[in-house]
């Protein structure tokens, strides 16, 4: 298997779920998983143990690949976001960059002016 230079890990945090996908530099999806795929339901799904278990699955897949560097993209809001990033930084070597793509509206859209007669 040829040695891949860069692997991109995308993490999408939603209020009820976390999605992980592993891509190569061309954008082809090599592996994906989510917290819902581990058959846990409700509030047990977003606990730190379930996040660590799912990241362990991602790490096992990455050990099969020959890669040099890792680029991590993070999007969304969740209370376990910092915990997941911390686990990834500790378990993976050669993390090039962690990029947070979360859209945060500061004041929302401008309201239209009400016409007075």
N, C-alpha and C. Protein backbone atom coordinates (compact mmCIF):
# COMPACT_ATOMS: atom_id res chain seq x y z
N UNK A 1 0.85 -1.18 0.00
CA UNK A 1 0.00 0.00 0.00
C UNK A 1 0.90 1.24 0.00
N UNK A 2 0.65 2.21 -0.89
CA UNK A 2 1.49 3.41 -0.90
C UNK A 2 1.25 4.26 0.33
N UNK A 3 2.26 4.99 0.71
CA UNK A 3 2.17 5.80 1.92
C UNK A 3 1.43 7.10 1.62
N UNK A 4 0.33 7.31 2.29
CA UNK A 4 -0.44 8.55 2.15
C UNK A 4 0.23 9.63 2.97
N UNK A 5 0.32 10.81 2.42
CA UNK A 5 0.99 11.90 3.12
C UNK A 5 0.09 12.52 4.19
N UNK A 6 -1.17 12.77 3.86
CA UNK A 6 -2.05 13.52 4.75
C UNK A 6 -3.39 12.82 4.86
N UNK A 7 -3.87 12.69 6.08
CA UNK A 7 -5.19 12.15 6.38
C UNK A 7 -6.00 13.27 7.05
N UNK A 8 -7.24 13.45 6.63
CA UNK A 8 -8.11 14.48 7.18
C UNK A 8 -9.19 13.80 8.01
N UNK A 9 -9.28 14.18 9.29
CA UNK A 9 -10.34 13.66 10.17
C UNK A 9 -11.34 14.79 10.38
N UNK A 10 -12.59 14.56 9.97
CA UNK A 10 -13.66 15.55 10.14
C UNK A 10 -14.57 15.09 11.26
N UNK A 11 -14.86 15.99 12.19
CA UNK A 11 -15.77 15.69 13.29
C UNK A 11 -16.90 16.72 13.27
N UNK A 12 -18.13 16.23 13.21
CA UNK A 12 -19.32 17.08 13.24
C UNK A 12 -20.06 16.82 14.53
N UNK A 13 -20.16 17.83 15.37
CA UNK A 13 -20.85 17.73 16.66
C UNK A 13 -22.24 18.31 16.52
N UNK A 14 -23.26 17.49 16.74
CA UNK A 14 -24.64 17.94 16.79
C UNK A 14 -25.12 17.80 18.23
N UNK A 15 -26.26 18.36 18.58
CA UNK A 15 -26.70 18.24 19.98
C UNK A 15 -26.94 16.80 20.42
N UNK A 16 -27.27 15.89 19.51
CA UNK A 16 -27.60 14.53 19.90
C UNK A 16 -26.64 13.47 19.37
N UNK A 17 -25.66 13.85 18.55
CA UNK A 17 -24.81 12.86 17.93
C UNK A 17 -23.47 13.48 17.55
N UNK A 18 -22.49 12.63 17.29
CA UNK A 18 -21.18 13.07 16.80
C UNK A 18 -20.83 12.18 15.62
N UNK A 19 -20.47 12.79 14.50
CA UNK A 19 -20.09 12.07 13.30
C UNK A 19 -18.60 12.23 13.05
N UNK A 20 -17.92 11.13 12.71
CA UNK A 20 -16.51 11.14 12.39
C UNK A 20 -16.34 10.63 10.97
N UNK A 21 -15.47 11.26 10.19
CA UNK A 21 -15.13 10.73 8.87
C UNK A 21 -13.64 10.92 8.64
N UNK A 22 -13.04 9.92 8.01
CA UNK A 22 -11.62 9.96 7.68
C UNK A 22 -11.51 10.05 6.17
N UNK A 23 -10.86 11.11 5.67
CA UNK A 23 -10.72 11.35 4.23
C UNK A 23 -9.26 11.39 3.85
N UNK A 24 -8.99 11.14 2.57
CA UNK A 24 -7.64 11.38 2.08
C UNK A 24 -7.59 12.79 1.49
N UNK A 25 -6.46 13.15 0.92
CA UNK A 25 -6.28 14.53 0.44
C UNK A 25 -7.17 14.85 -0.76
N UNK A 26 -7.60 13.82 -1.52
CA UNK A 26 -8.49 14.05 -2.65
C UNK A 26 -9.94 14.22 -2.22
N UNK A 27 -10.27 13.93 -0.97
CA UNK A 27 -11.62 14.07 -0.47
C UNK A 27 -12.42 12.77 -0.47
N UNK A 28 -11.80 11.66 -0.81
CA UNK A 28 -12.49 10.38 -0.79
C UNK A 28 -12.65 9.89 0.64
N UNK A 29 -13.84 9.46 0.99
CA UNK A 29 -14.11 8.99 2.34
C UNK A 29 -13.54 7.58 2.49
N UNK A 30 -12.62 7.41 3.44
CA UNK A 30 -12.02 6.12 3.69
C UNK A 30 -12.75 5.35 4.78
N UNK A 31 -13.29 6.09 5.78
CA UNK A 31 -13.94 5.47 6.93
C UNK A 31 -14.84 6.50 7.57
N UNK A 32 -15.99 6.07 8.09
CA UNK A 32 -16.85 6.98 8.83
C UNK A 32 -17.55 6.19 9.93
N UNK A 33 -17.90 6.89 10.97
CA UNK A 33 -18.65 6.30 12.07
C UNK A 33 -19.36 7.42 12.83
N UNK A 34 -20.28 7.03 13.69
CA UNK A 34 -20.98 8.00 14.52
C UNK A 34 -21.28 7.35 15.87
N UNK A 35 -21.70 8.17 16.83
CA UNK A 35 -22.05 7.62 18.13
C UNK A 35 -23.32 6.79 18.06
N UNK A 36 -24.18 7.09 17.10
CA UNK A 36 -25.42 6.31 16.94
C UNK A 36 -25.17 4.91 16.43
N UNK A 37 -24.02 4.68 15.79
CA UNK A 37 -23.73 3.35 15.26
C UNK A 37 -23.33 2.37 16.35
N UNK A 38 -23.06 2.86 17.56
CA UNK A 38 -22.70 1.97 18.67
C UNK A 38 -23.91 1.49 19.45
N UNK A 39 -25.12 1.73 18.92
CA UNK A 39 -26.38 1.24 19.48
C UNK A 39 -26.71 1.78 20.88
N UNK A 40 -26.17 2.93 21.23
CA UNK A 40 -26.56 3.57 22.48
C UNK A 40 -27.60 4.63 22.16
N UNK A 41 -28.55 4.80 23.06
CA UNK A 41 -29.65 5.71 22.80
C UNK A 41 -29.76 6.75 23.90
N UNK A 42 -30.30 7.90 23.56
CA UNK A 42 -30.62 8.93 24.53
C UNK A 42 -29.41 9.67 25.06
N UNK A 43 -29.46 10.03 26.34
CA UNK A 43 -28.41 10.84 26.94
C UNK A 43 -27.13 10.05 27.16
N UNK A 44 -27.19 8.72 27.12
CA UNK A 44 -25.98 7.91 27.28
C UNK A 44 -25.06 8.03 26.07
N UNK A 45 -25.60 8.54 24.97
CA UNK A 45 -24.83 8.60 23.74
C UNK A 45 -23.72 9.65 23.78
N UNK A 46 -23.90 10.72 24.52
CA UNK A 46 -22.94 11.83 24.51
C UNK A 46 -22.08 11.82 25.77
N UNK A 47 -21.86 10.69 26.37
CA UNK A 47 -20.98 10.62 27.54
C UNK A 47 -19.53 10.51 27.09
N UNK A 48 -18.62 10.79 28.01
CA UNK A 48 -17.20 10.78 27.67
C UNK A 48 -16.70 9.37 27.37
N UNK A 49 -17.30 8.35 27.98
CA UNK A 49 -16.86 6.98 27.71
C UNK A 49 -17.26 6.54 26.31
N UNK A 50 -18.45 6.92 25.86
CA UNK A 50 -18.86 6.54 24.51
C UNK A 50 -18.06 7.29 23.45
N UNK A 51 -17.70 8.55 23.73
CA UNK A 51 -16.87 9.33 22.81
C UNK A 51 -15.48 8.70 22.72
N UNK A 52 -14.92 8.30 23.86
CA UNK A 52 -13.61 7.65 23.86
C UNK A 52 -13.64 6.31 23.14
N UNK A 53 -14.72 5.56 23.29
CA UNK A 53 -14.85 4.28 22.61
C UNK A 53 -14.90 4.45 21.09
N UNK A 54 -15.65 5.45 20.63
CA UNK A 54 -15.74 5.68 19.20
C UNK A 54 -14.43 6.19 18.62
N UNK A 55 -13.73 7.03 19.36
CA UNK A 55 -12.43 7.51 18.89
C UNK A 55 -11.41 6.37 18.86
N UNK A 56 -11.59 5.39 19.72
CA UNK A 56 -10.73 4.21 19.69
C UNK A 56 -10.93 3.44 18.39
N UNK A 57 -12.18 3.37 17.90
CA UNK A 57 -12.45 2.72 16.62
C UNK A 57 -11.78 3.47 15.47
N UNK A 58 -11.84 4.80 15.53
CA UNK A 58 -11.18 5.60 14.49
C UNK A 58 -9.68 5.39 14.54
N UNK A 59 -9.12 5.33 15.74
CA UNK A 59 -7.67 5.14 15.89
C UNK A 59 -7.24 3.77 15.38
N UNK A 60 -8.05 2.74 15.60
CA UNK A 60 -7.72 1.40 15.09
C UNK A 60 -7.71 1.38 13.56
N UNK A 61 -8.63 2.13 12.93
CA UNK A 61 -8.61 2.20 11.48
C UNK A 61 -7.38 2.95 10.98
N UNK A 62 -7.02 4.03 11.68
CA UNK A 62 -5.87 4.82 11.26
C UNK A 62 -4.57 4.05 11.42
N UNK A 63 -4.52 3.11 12.36
CA UNK A 63 -3.31 2.30 12.52
C UNK A 63 -3.08 1.39 11.32
N UNK A 64 -4.15 1.03 10.61
CA UNK A 64 -4.01 0.19 9.42
C UNK A 64 -3.46 0.97 8.23
N UNK A 65 -3.66 2.30 8.22
CA UNK A 65 -3.20 3.13 7.12
C UNK A 65 -1.75 3.55 7.35
N UNK A 66 -1.06 3.79 6.25
CA UNK A 66 0.28 4.38 6.33
C UNK A 66 0.13 5.87 6.05
N UNK A 67 0.26 6.70 7.06
CA UNK A 67 0.10 8.13 6.88
C UNK A 67 1.24 8.85 7.58
N UNK A 68 1.48 10.07 7.14
CA UNK A 68 2.53 10.87 7.75
C UNK A 68 1.96 11.94 8.68
N UNK A 69 0.92 12.62 8.22
CA UNK A 69 0.38 13.75 8.97
C UNK A 69 -1.13 13.65 9.07
N UNK A 70 -1.69 14.30 10.11
CA UNK A 70 -3.13 14.30 10.37
C UNK A 70 -3.61 15.74 10.46
N UNK A 71 -4.69 16.04 9.75
CA UNK A 71 -5.36 17.34 9.79
C UNK A 71 -6.74 17.10 10.36
N UNK A 72 -7.11 17.82 11.42
CA UNK A 72 -8.39 17.60 12.09
C UNK A 72 -9.30 18.81 11.86
N UNK A 73 -10.51 18.56 11.30
CA UNK A 73 -11.51 19.60 11.12
C UNK A 73 -12.65 19.35 12.10
N UNK A 74 -13.05 20.36 12.83
CA UNK A 74 -14.08 20.25 13.85
C UNK A 74 -15.18 21.25 13.53
N UNK A 75 -16.44 20.81 13.64
CA UNK A 75 -17.56 21.71 13.40
C UNK A 75 -18.69 21.40 14.36
N UNK A 76 -19.33 22.42 14.89
CA UNK A 76 -20.51 22.24 15.72
C UNK A 76 -20.24 22.51 17.20
N UNK A 77 -21.32 22.50 17.96
CA UNK A 77 -21.27 22.74 19.40
C UNK A 77 -21.66 21.48 20.15
N UNK A 78 -20.93 21.17 21.20
CA UNK A 78 -21.25 20.03 22.04
C UNK A 78 -20.43 20.16 23.31
N UNK A 79 -20.93 19.58 24.39
CA UNK A 79 -20.19 19.68 25.65
C UNK A 79 -18.99 18.75 25.69
N UNK A 80 -18.94 17.74 24.83
CA UNK A 80 -17.81 16.80 24.81
C UNK A 80 -16.82 17.12 23.70
N UNK A 81 -16.90 18.30 23.13
CA UNK A 81 -16.02 18.68 22.02
C UNK A 81 -14.56 18.77 22.45
N UNK A 82 -14.30 19.44 23.57
CA UNK A 82 -12.93 19.58 24.06
C UNK A 82 -12.35 18.23 24.47
N UNK A 83 -13.18 17.39 25.03
CA UNK A 83 -12.73 16.06 25.45
C UNK A 83 -12.32 15.21 24.25
N UNK A 84 -13.09 15.28 23.17
CA UNK A 84 -12.78 14.50 21.97
C UNK A 84 -11.49 15.00 21.32
N UNK A 85 -11.29 16.30 21.27
CA UNK A 85 -10.07 16.86 20.69
C UNK A 85 -8.86 16.47 21.53
N UNK A 86 -9.02 16.49 22.84
CA UNK A 86 -7.93 16.12 23.74
C UNK A 86 -7.52 14.66 23.54
N UNK A 87 -8.50 13.76 23.40
CA UNK A 87 -8.20 12.35 23.19
C UNK A 87 -7.47 12.15 21.85
N UNK A 88 -7.92 12.86 20.81
CA UNK A 88 -7.27 12.72 19.51
C UNK A 88 -5.83 13.23 19.54
N UNK A 89 -5.60 14.34 20.20
CA UNK A 89 -4.24 14.89 20.27
C UNK A 89 -3.30 13.97 21.03
N UNK A 90 -3.82 13.29 22.06
CA UNK A 90 -2.97 12.40 22.84
C UNK A 90 -2.70 11.08 22.12
N UNK A 91 -3.66 10.60 21.34
CA UNK A 91 -3.50 9.28 20.74
C UNK A 91 -2.82 9.31 19.38
N UNK A 92 -2.92 10.43 18.65
CA UNK A 92 -2.34 10.50 17.31
C UNK A 92 -1.01 11.24 17.33
N UNK A 93 -0.11 10.78 16.50
CA UNK A 93 1.15 11.49 16.35
C UNK A 93 1.08 12.32 15.07
N UNK A 94 1.88 13.35 14.99
CA UNK A 94 2.00 14.20 13.80
C UNK A 94 0.69 14.91 13.45
N UNK A 95 0.02 15.50 14.43
CA UNK A 95 -1.16 16.31 14.14
C UNK A 95 -0.66 17.66 13.65
N UNK A 96 -0.98 17.98 12.40
CA UNK A 96 -0.51 19.21 11.79
C UNK A 96 -1.31 20.41 12.29
N UNK A 97 -2.63 20.30 12.21
CA UNK A 97 -3.48 21.45 12.52
C UNK A 97 -4.84 20.97 12.99
N UNK A 98 -5.43 21.69 13.92
CA UNK A 98 -6.82 21.47 14.33
C UNK A 98 -7.59 22.72 13.93
N UNK A 99 -8.53 22.56 13.01
CA UNK A 99 -9.26 23.69 12.45
C UNK A 99 -10.71 23.62 12.90
N UNK A 100 -11.18 24.68 13.55
CA UNK A 100 -12.56 24.74 14.02
C UNK A 100 -13.37 25.55 13.02
N UNK A 101 -14.34 24.91 12.39
CA UNK A 101 -15.16 25.55 11.36
C UNK A 101 -16.56 25.90 11.87
N UNK A 102 -16.72 26.07 13.15
CA UNK A 102 -18.03 26.33 13.73
C UNK A 102 -18.51 27.72 13.35
N UNK A 103 -19.73 27.79 12.84
CA UNK A 103 -20.34 29.07 12.51
C UNK A 103 -21.05 29.59 13.75
N UNK A 104 -20.70 30.77 14.17
CA UNK A 104 -21.29 31.34 15.37
C UNK A 104 -21.84 32.72 15.05
N UNK A 105 -23.17 32.88 15.00
CA UNK A 105 -23.73 34.20 14.72
C UNK A 105 -23.60 35.10 15.95
N UNK A 106 -22.98 36.24 15.78
CA UNK A 106 -22.76 37.12 16.91
C UNK A 106 -24.02 37.88 17.32
N UNK A 107 -24.76 38.34 16.34
CA UNK A 107 -25.95 39.11 16.68
C UNK A 107 -27.16 38.71 15.84
N UNK A 108 -27.01 37.73 14.98
CA UNK A 108 -28.11 37.31 14.14
C UNK A 108 -28.30 38.21 12.94
N UNK A 109 -29.36 37.99 12.21
CA UNK A 109 -29.64 38.79 11.02
C UNK A 109 -30.28 40.11 11.42
N UNK A 110 -30.08 41.12 10.60
CA UNK A 110 -30.66 42.42 10.85
C UNK A 110 -32.16 42.37 10.57
N UNK A 111 -32.95 42.86 11.52
CA UNK A 111 -34.40 42.86 11.34
C UNK A 111 -34.79 43.95 10.36
N UNK A 112 -35.81 43.65 9.56
CA UNK A 112 -36.27 44.65 8.60
C UNK A 112 -37.02 45.76 9.33
N UNK A 113 -36.91 46.95 8.80
CA UNK A 113 -37.53 48.12 9.42
C UNK A 113 -39.05 48.04 9.27
N UNK A 114 -39.76 48.30 10.37
CA UNK A 114 -41.22 48.25 10.34
C UNK A 114 -41.73 49.58 9.78
N UNK A 115 -42.60 49.49 8.79
CA UNK A 115 -43.12 50.68 8.15
C UNK A 115 -44.20 51.32 9.01
N UNK A 116 -44.06 52.59 9.28
CA UNK A 116 -45.05 53.31 10.09
C UNK A 116 -45.94 54.16 9.16
N UNK A 117 -47.23 54.08 9.37
CA UNK A 117 -48.16 54.87 8.57
C UNK A 117 -48.72 56.02 9.31
